[in-house]
Every structure is written in C-alpha cells, then in structure tokens.
Amino acid sequence: MADKIHMPSGMGGLVRYFDEYKSRFQLKPGHIIVIVVIVILIEILLHWQGYSLLGLQ
C-alpha cells in the first residue's frame, strides 16, 4: 500500500479568490433584468421613432 501524503491543514492548495476582492457595488439579479428590459425598450423606441426623435428626417 502506498504511503499517505499529508497536505497542509488549510485548503489543500486551493485558492479562494472571492475572499480577496469585494466590489464597491453589487447588483441583484432583479436589477440586471430591469436594466435589460429598459435597454430593449429604448432599442424598440429608436427603431420605431428614431429618425423623428433625432431630427434626421
């Protein structure tokens, strides 16, 4: 039988990056959905009325 290898008692060589850096602001999934819906509505509005809103026609 092979000899057992003893790892350090910490994390066994694994690195935990989320403990090292914390963002200044955090967005919830609901906020992302609202932002995406707003961007989609702006895209639809510009496609539908873009030239008249921007005074190009």
PDB file of N, CA and C in Angstrom:
ATOM      1  N   MET A   1       0.839  -1.169   0.000  1.00  0.00           N
ATOM      2  CA  MET A   1       0.000   0.000   0.000  1.00  0.00           C
ATOM      3  C   MET A   1       0.892   1.244   0.000  1.00  0.00           C
ATOM      4  N   ALA A   2       0.456   2.284  -0.735  1.00  0.00           N
ATOM      5  CA  ALA A   2       1.254   3.496  -0.863  1.00  0.00           C
ATOM      6  C   ALA A   2       1.191   4.313   0.424  1.00  0.00           C
ATOM      7  N   ASP A   3       2.260   5.077   0.638  1.00  0.00           N
ATOM      8  CA  ASP A   3       2.289   5.966   1.800  1.00  0.00           C
ATOM      9  C   ASP A   3       1.303   7.115   1.594  1.00  0.00           C
ATOM     10  N   LYS A   4       0.648   7.530   2.652  1.00  0.00           N
ATOM     11  CA  LYS A   4      -0.285   8.648   2.574  1.00  0.00           C
ATOM     12  C   LYS A   4       0.493   9.955   2.526  1.00  0.00           C
ATOM     13  N   ILE A   5      -0.022  10.880   1.745  1.00  0.00           N
ATOM     14  CA  ILE A   5       0.578  12.210   1.640  1.00  0.00           C
ATOM     15  C   ILE A   5      -0.257  13.151   2.495  1.00  0.00           C
ATOM     16  N   HIS A   6       0.391  13.892   3.349  1.00  0.00           N
ATOM     17  CA  HIS A   6      -0.313  14.834   4.219  1.00  0.00           C
ATOM     18  C   HIS A   6      -0.203  16.232   3.624  1.00  0.00           C
ATOM     19  N   MET A   7      -1.352  16.829   3.358  1.00  0.00           N
ATOM     20  CA  MET A   7      -1.410  18.190   2.838  1.00  0.00           C
ATOM     21  C   MET A   7      -1.467  19.155   4.019  1.00  0.00           C
ATOM     22  N   PRO A   8      -1.102  20.424   3.765  1.00  0.00           N
ATOM     23  CA  PRO A   8      -1.265  21.419   4.829  1.00  0.00           C
ATOM     24  C   PRO A   8      -2.730  21.486   5.257  1.00  0.00           C
ATOM     25  N   SER A   9      -2.948  21.832   6.487  1.00  0.00           N
ATOM     26  CA  SER A   9      -4.304  21.773   7.028  1.00  0.00           C
ATOM     27  C   SER A   9      -5.228  22.871   6.504  1.00  0.00           C
ATOM     28  N   GLY A  10      -4.697  23.808   5.742  1.00  0.00           N
ATOM     29  CA  GLY A  10      -5.526  24.913   5.243  1.00  0.00           C
ATOM     30  C   GLY A  10      -6.551  24.451   4.236  1.00  0.00           C
ATOM     31  N   MET A  11      -6.321  24.742   2.967  1.00  0.00           N
ATOM     32  CA  MET A  11      -7.282  24.417   1.914  1.00  0.00           C
ATOM     33  C   MET A  11      -6.712  23.381   0.952  1.00  0.00           C
ATOM     34  N   GLY A  12      -5.604  22.804   1.212  1.00  0.00           N
ATOM     35  CA  GLY A  12      -5.037  21.799   0.322  1.00  0.00           C
ATOM     36  C   GLY A  12      -4.566  22.374  -0.998  1.00  0.00           C
ATOM     37  N   GLY A  13      -4.141  23.621  -1.032  1.00  0.00           N
ATOM     38  CA  GLY A  13      -3.645  24.242  -2.249  1.00  0.00           C
ATOM     39  C   GLY A  13      -4.704  24.986  -3.043  1.00  0.00           C
ATOM     40  N   LEU A  14      -5.948  24.962  -2.618  1.00  0.00           N
ATOM     41  CA  LEU A  14      -6.997  25.674  -3.334  1.00  0.00           C
ATOM     42  C   LEU A  14      -6.949  27.155  -2.981  1.00  0.00           C
ATOM     43  N   VAL A  15      -7.248  27.993  -3.975  1.00  0.00           N
ATOM     44  CA  VAL A  15      -7.223  29.438  -3.776  1.00  0.00           C
ATOM     45  C   VAL A  15      -8.660  29.940  -3.811  1.00  0.00           C
ATOM     46  N   ARG A  16      -9.021  30.747  -2.858  1.00  0.00           N
ATOM     47  CA  ARG A  16     -10.364  31.320  -2.801  1.00  0.00           C
ATOM     48  C   ARG A  16     -10.272  32.796  -3.165  1.00  0.00           C
ATOM     49  N   TYR A  17     -10.615  33.132  -4.416  1.00  0.00           N
ATOM     50  CA  TYR A  17     -10.469  34.494  -4.893  1.00  0.00           C
ATOM     51  C   TYR A  17     -11.555  35.417  -4.360  1.00  0.00           C
ATOM     52  N   PHE A  18     -12.744  34.902  -4.082  1.00  0.00           N
ATOM     53  CA  PHE A  18     -13.819  35.792  -3.665  1.00  0.00           C
ATOM     54  C   PHE A  18     -13.575  36.387  -2.290  1.00  0.00           C
ATOM     55  N   ASP A  19     -12.664  35.843  -1.516  1.00  0.00           N
ATOM     56  CA  ASP A  19     -12.340  36.432  -0.220  1.00  0.00           C
ATOM     57  C   ASP A  19     -11.377  37.607  -0.352  1.00  0.00           C
ATOM     58  N   GLU A  20     -10.674  37.692  -1.484  1.00  0.00           N
ATOM     59  CA  GLU A  20      -9.636  38.701  -1.635  1.00  0.00           C
ATOM     60  C   GLU A  20     -10.163  40.041  -2.127  1.00  0.00           C
ATOM     61  N   TYR A  21     -11.239  40.055  -2.906  1.00  0.00           N
ATOM     62  CA  TYR A  21     -11.713  41.295  -3.514  1.00  0.00           C
ATOM     63  C   TYR A  21     -13.212  41.433  -3.302  1.00  0.00           C
ATOM     64  N   LYS A  22     -13.623  42.607  -2.870  1.00  0.00           N
ATOM     65  CA  LYS A  22     -15.048  42.878  -2.711  1.00  0.00           C
ATOM     66  C   LYS A  22     -15.367  44.142  -3.499  1.00  0.00           C
ATOM     67  N   SER A  23     -16.342  44.060  -4.368  1.00  0.00           N
ATOM     68  CA  SER A  23     -16.713  45.175  -5.220  1.00  0.00           C
ATOM     69  C   SER A  23     -17.367  46.284  -4.400  1.00  0.00           C
ATOM     70  N   ARG A  24     -17.262  47.511  -4.897  1.00  0.00           N
ATOM     71  CA  ARG A  24     -17.884  48.639  -4.199  1.00  0.00           C
ATOM     72  C   ARG A  24     -19.402  48.574  -4.281  1.00  0.00           C
ATOM     73  N   PHE A  25     -19.918  48.122  -5.407  1.00  0.00           N
ATOM     74  CA  PHE A  25     -21.364  47.997  -5.545  1.00  0.00           C
ATOM     75  C   PHE A  25     -21.695  46.604  -6.064  1.00  0.00           C
ATOM     76  N   GLN A  26     -22.817  46.124  -5.634  1.00  0.00           N
ATOM     77  CA  GLN A  26     -23.256  44.803  -6.048  1.00  0.00           C
ATOM     78  C   GLN A  26     -24.663  44.918  -6.608  1.00  0.00           C
ATOM     79  N   LEU A  27     -24.893  44.238  -7.729  1.00  0.00           N
ATOM     80  CA  LEU A  27     -26.194  44.267  -8.371  1.00  0.00           C
ATOM     81  C   LEU A  27     -26.921  42.960  -8.117  1.00  0.00           C
ATOM     82  N   LYS A  28     -28.178  43.082  -7.799  1.00  0.00           N
ATOM     83  CA  LYS A  28     -29.004  41.896  -7.625  1.00  0.00           C
ATOM     84  C   LYS A  28     -29.492  41.435  -8.999  1.00  0.00           C
ATOM     85  N   PRO A  29     -29.854  40.176  -9.145  1.00  0.00           N
ATOM     86  CA  PRO A  29     -30.354  39.696 -10.441  1.00  0.00           C
ATOM     87  C   PRO A  29     -31.581  40.465 -10.931  1.00  0.00           C
ATOM     88  N   GLY A  30     -32.425  40.912 -10.030  1.00  0.00           N
ATOM     89  CA  GLY A  30     -33.590  41.703 -10.431  1.00  0.00           C
ATOM     90  C   GLY A  30     -33.203  43.021 -11.075  1.00  0.00           C
ATOM     91  N   HIS A  31     -32.134  43.645 -10.580  1.00  0.00           N
ATOM     92  CA  HIS A  31     -31.663  44.898 -11.173  1.00  0.00           C
ATOM     93  C   HIS A  31     -31.168  44.674 -12.595  1.00  0.00           C
ATOM     94  N   ILE A  32     -30.479  43.572 -12.834  1.00  0.00           N
ATOM     95  CA  ILE A  32     -29.979  43.267 -14.175  1.00  0.00           C
ATOM     96  C   ILE A  32     -31.149  43.076 -15.136  1.00  0.00           C
ATOM     97  N   ILE A  33     -32.191  42.392 -14.687  1.00  0.00           N
ATOM     98  CA  ILE A  33     -33.359  42.174 -15.542  1.00  0.00           C
ATOM     99  C   ILE A  33     -34.015  43.505 -15.897  1.00  0.00           C
ATOM    100  N   VAL A  34     -34.141  44.402 -14.929  1.00  0.00           N
ATOM    101  CA  VAL A  34     -34.744  45.714 -15.187  1.00  0.00           C
ATOM    102  C   VAL A  34     -33.892  46.507 -16.172  1.00  0.00           C
ATOM    103  N   ILE A  35     -32.589  46.490 -16.021  1.00  0.00           N
ATOM    104  CA  ILE A  35     -31.696  47.209 -16.935  1.00  0.00           C
ATOM    105  C   ILE A  35     -31.823  46.658 -18.350  1.00  0.00           C
ATOM    106  N   VAL A  36     -31.875  45.340 -18.491  1.00  0.00           N
ATOM    107  CA  VAL A  36     -32.003  44.723 -19.813  1.00  0.00           C
ATOM    108  C   VAL A  36     -33.340  45.101 -20.449  1.00  0.00           C
ATOM    109  N   VAL A  37     -34.416  45.092 -19.677  1.00  0.00           N
ATOM    110  CA  VAL A  37     -35.729  45.470 -20.214  1.00  0.00           C
ATOM    111  C   VAL A  37     -35.726  46.927 -20.660  1.00  0.00           C
ATOM    112  N   ILE A  38     -35.099  47.808 -19.899  1.00  0.00           N
ATOM    113  CA  ILE A  38     -35.019  49.223 -20.281  1.00  0.00           C
ATOM    114  C   ILE A  38     -34.237  49.388 -21.575  1.00  0.00           C
ATOM    115  N   VAL A  39     -33.131  48.679 -21.716  1.00  0.00           N
ATOM    116  CA  VAL A  39     -32.331  48.764 -22.945  1.00  0.00           C
ATOM    117  C   VAL A  39     -33.136  48.248 -24.136  1.00  0.00           C
ATOM    118  N   ILE A  40     -33.871  47.161 -23.956  1.00  0.00           N
ATOM    119  CA  ILE A  40     -34.697  46.625 -25.042  1.00  0.00           C
ATOM    120  C   ILE A  40     -35.777  47.628 -25.438  1.00  0.00           C
ATOM    121  N   LEU A  41     -36.415  48.269 -24.456  1.00  0.00           N
ATOM    122  CA  LEU A  41     -37.444  49.267 -24.765  1.00  0.00           C
ATOM    123  C   LEU A  41     -36.854  50.470 -25.502  1.00  0.00           C
ATOM    124  N   ILE A  42     -35.665  50.896 -25.121  1.00  0.00           N
ATOM    125  CA  ILE A  42     -35.000  52.003 -25.825  1.00  0.00           C
ATOM    126  C   ILE A  42     -34.691  51.601 -27.258  1.00  0.00           C
ATOM    127  N   GLU A  43     -34.226  50.372 -27.462  1.00  0.00           N
ATOM    128  CA  GLU A  43     -33.946  49.882 -28.814  1.00  0.00           C
ATOM    129  C   GLU A  43     -35.211  49.877 -29.671  1.00  0.00           C
ATOM    130  N   ILE A  44     -36.319  49.398 -29.104  1.00  0.00           N
ATOM    131  CA  ILE A  44     -37.583  49.358 -29.851  1.00  0.00           C
ATOM    132  C   ILE A  44     -38.046  50.771 -30.176  1.00  0.00           C
ATOM    133  N   LEU A  45     -37.956  51.683 -29.206  1.00  0.00           N
ATOM    134  CA  LEU A  45     -38.360  53.070 -29.427  1.00  0.00           C
ATOM    135  C   LEU A  45     -37.515  53.722 -30.516  1.00  0.00           C
ATOM    136  N   LEU A  46     -36.216  53.517 -30.488  1.00  0.00           N
ATOM    137  CA  LEU A  46     -35.349  54.109 -31.505  1.00  0.00           C
ATOM    138  C   LEU A  46     -35.589  53.498 -32.877  1.00  0.00           C
ATOM    139  N   HIS A  47     -35.877  52.218 -32.930  1.00  0.00           N
ATOM    140  CA  HIS A  47     -36.162  51.583 -34.216  1.00  0.00           C
ATOM    141  C   HIS A  47     -37.480  52.105 -34.788  1.00  0.00           C
ATOM    142  N   TRP A  48     -38.428  52.372 -33.913  1.00  0.00           N
ATOM    143  CA  TRP A  48     -39.763  52.780 -34.332  1.00  0.00           C
ATOM    144  C   TRP A  48     -39.825  54.280 -34.648  1.00  0.00           C
ATOM    145  N   GLN A  49     -39.223  55.118 -33.813  1.00  0.00           N
ATOM    146  CA  GLN A  49     -39.338  56.569 -33.944  1.00  0.00           C
ATOM    147  C   GLN A  49     -37.987  57.271 -33.960  1.00  0.00           C
ATOM    148  N   GLY A  50     -36.925  56.582 -34.265  1.00  0.00           N
ATOM    149  CA  GLY A  50     -35.582  57.141 -34.133  1.00  0.00           C
ATOM    150  C   GLY A  50     -35.308  58.360 -34.981  1.00  0.00           C
ATOM    151  N   TYR A  51     -35.685  58.307 -36.271  1.00  0.00           N
ATOM    152  CA  TYR A  51     -35.389  59.433 -37.148  1.00  0.00           C
ATOM    153  C   TYR A  51     -36.125  60.695 -36.710  1.00  0.00           C
ATOM    154  N   SER A  52     -37.387  60.569 -36.333  1.00  0.00           N
ATOM    155  CA  SER A  52     -38.134  61.767 -35.934  1.00  0.00           C
ATOM    156  C   SER A  52     -37.671  62.292 -34.572  1.00  0.00           C
ATOM    157  N   LEU A  53     -37.261  61.404 -33.678  1.00  0.00           N
ATOM    158  CA  LEU A  53     -36.774  61.860 -32.369  1.00  0.00           C
ATOM    159  C   LEU A  53     -35.441  62.584 -32.480  1.00  0.00           C
ATOM    160  N   LEU A  54     -34.602  62.133 -33.399  1.00  0.00           N
ATOM    161  CA  LEU A  54     -33.281  62.742 -33.548  1.00  0.00           C
ATOM    162  C   LEU A  54     -33.272  63.876 -34.566  1.00  0.00           C
ATOM    163  N   GLY A  55     -34.397  64.154 -35.225  1.00  0.00           N
ATOM    164  CA  GLY A  55     -34.495  65.252 -36.180  1.00  0.00           C
ATOM    165  C   GLY A  55     -33.731  65.005 -37.459  1.00  0.00           C
ATOM    166  N   LEU A  56     -33.658  63.774 -37.905  1.00  0.00           N
ATOM    167  CA  LEU A  56     -32.896  63.465 -39.111  1.00  0.00           C
ATOM    168  C   LEU A  56     -33.762  63.420 -40.360  1.00  0.00           C
ATOM    169  N   GLN A  57     -35.070  63.414 -40.217  1.00  0.00           N
ATOM    170  CA  GLN A  57     -35.910  63.295 -41.398  1.00  0.00           C
ATOM    171  C   GLN A  57     -36.949  64.363 -41.434  1.00  0.00           C
TER     172      GLN A  57
END
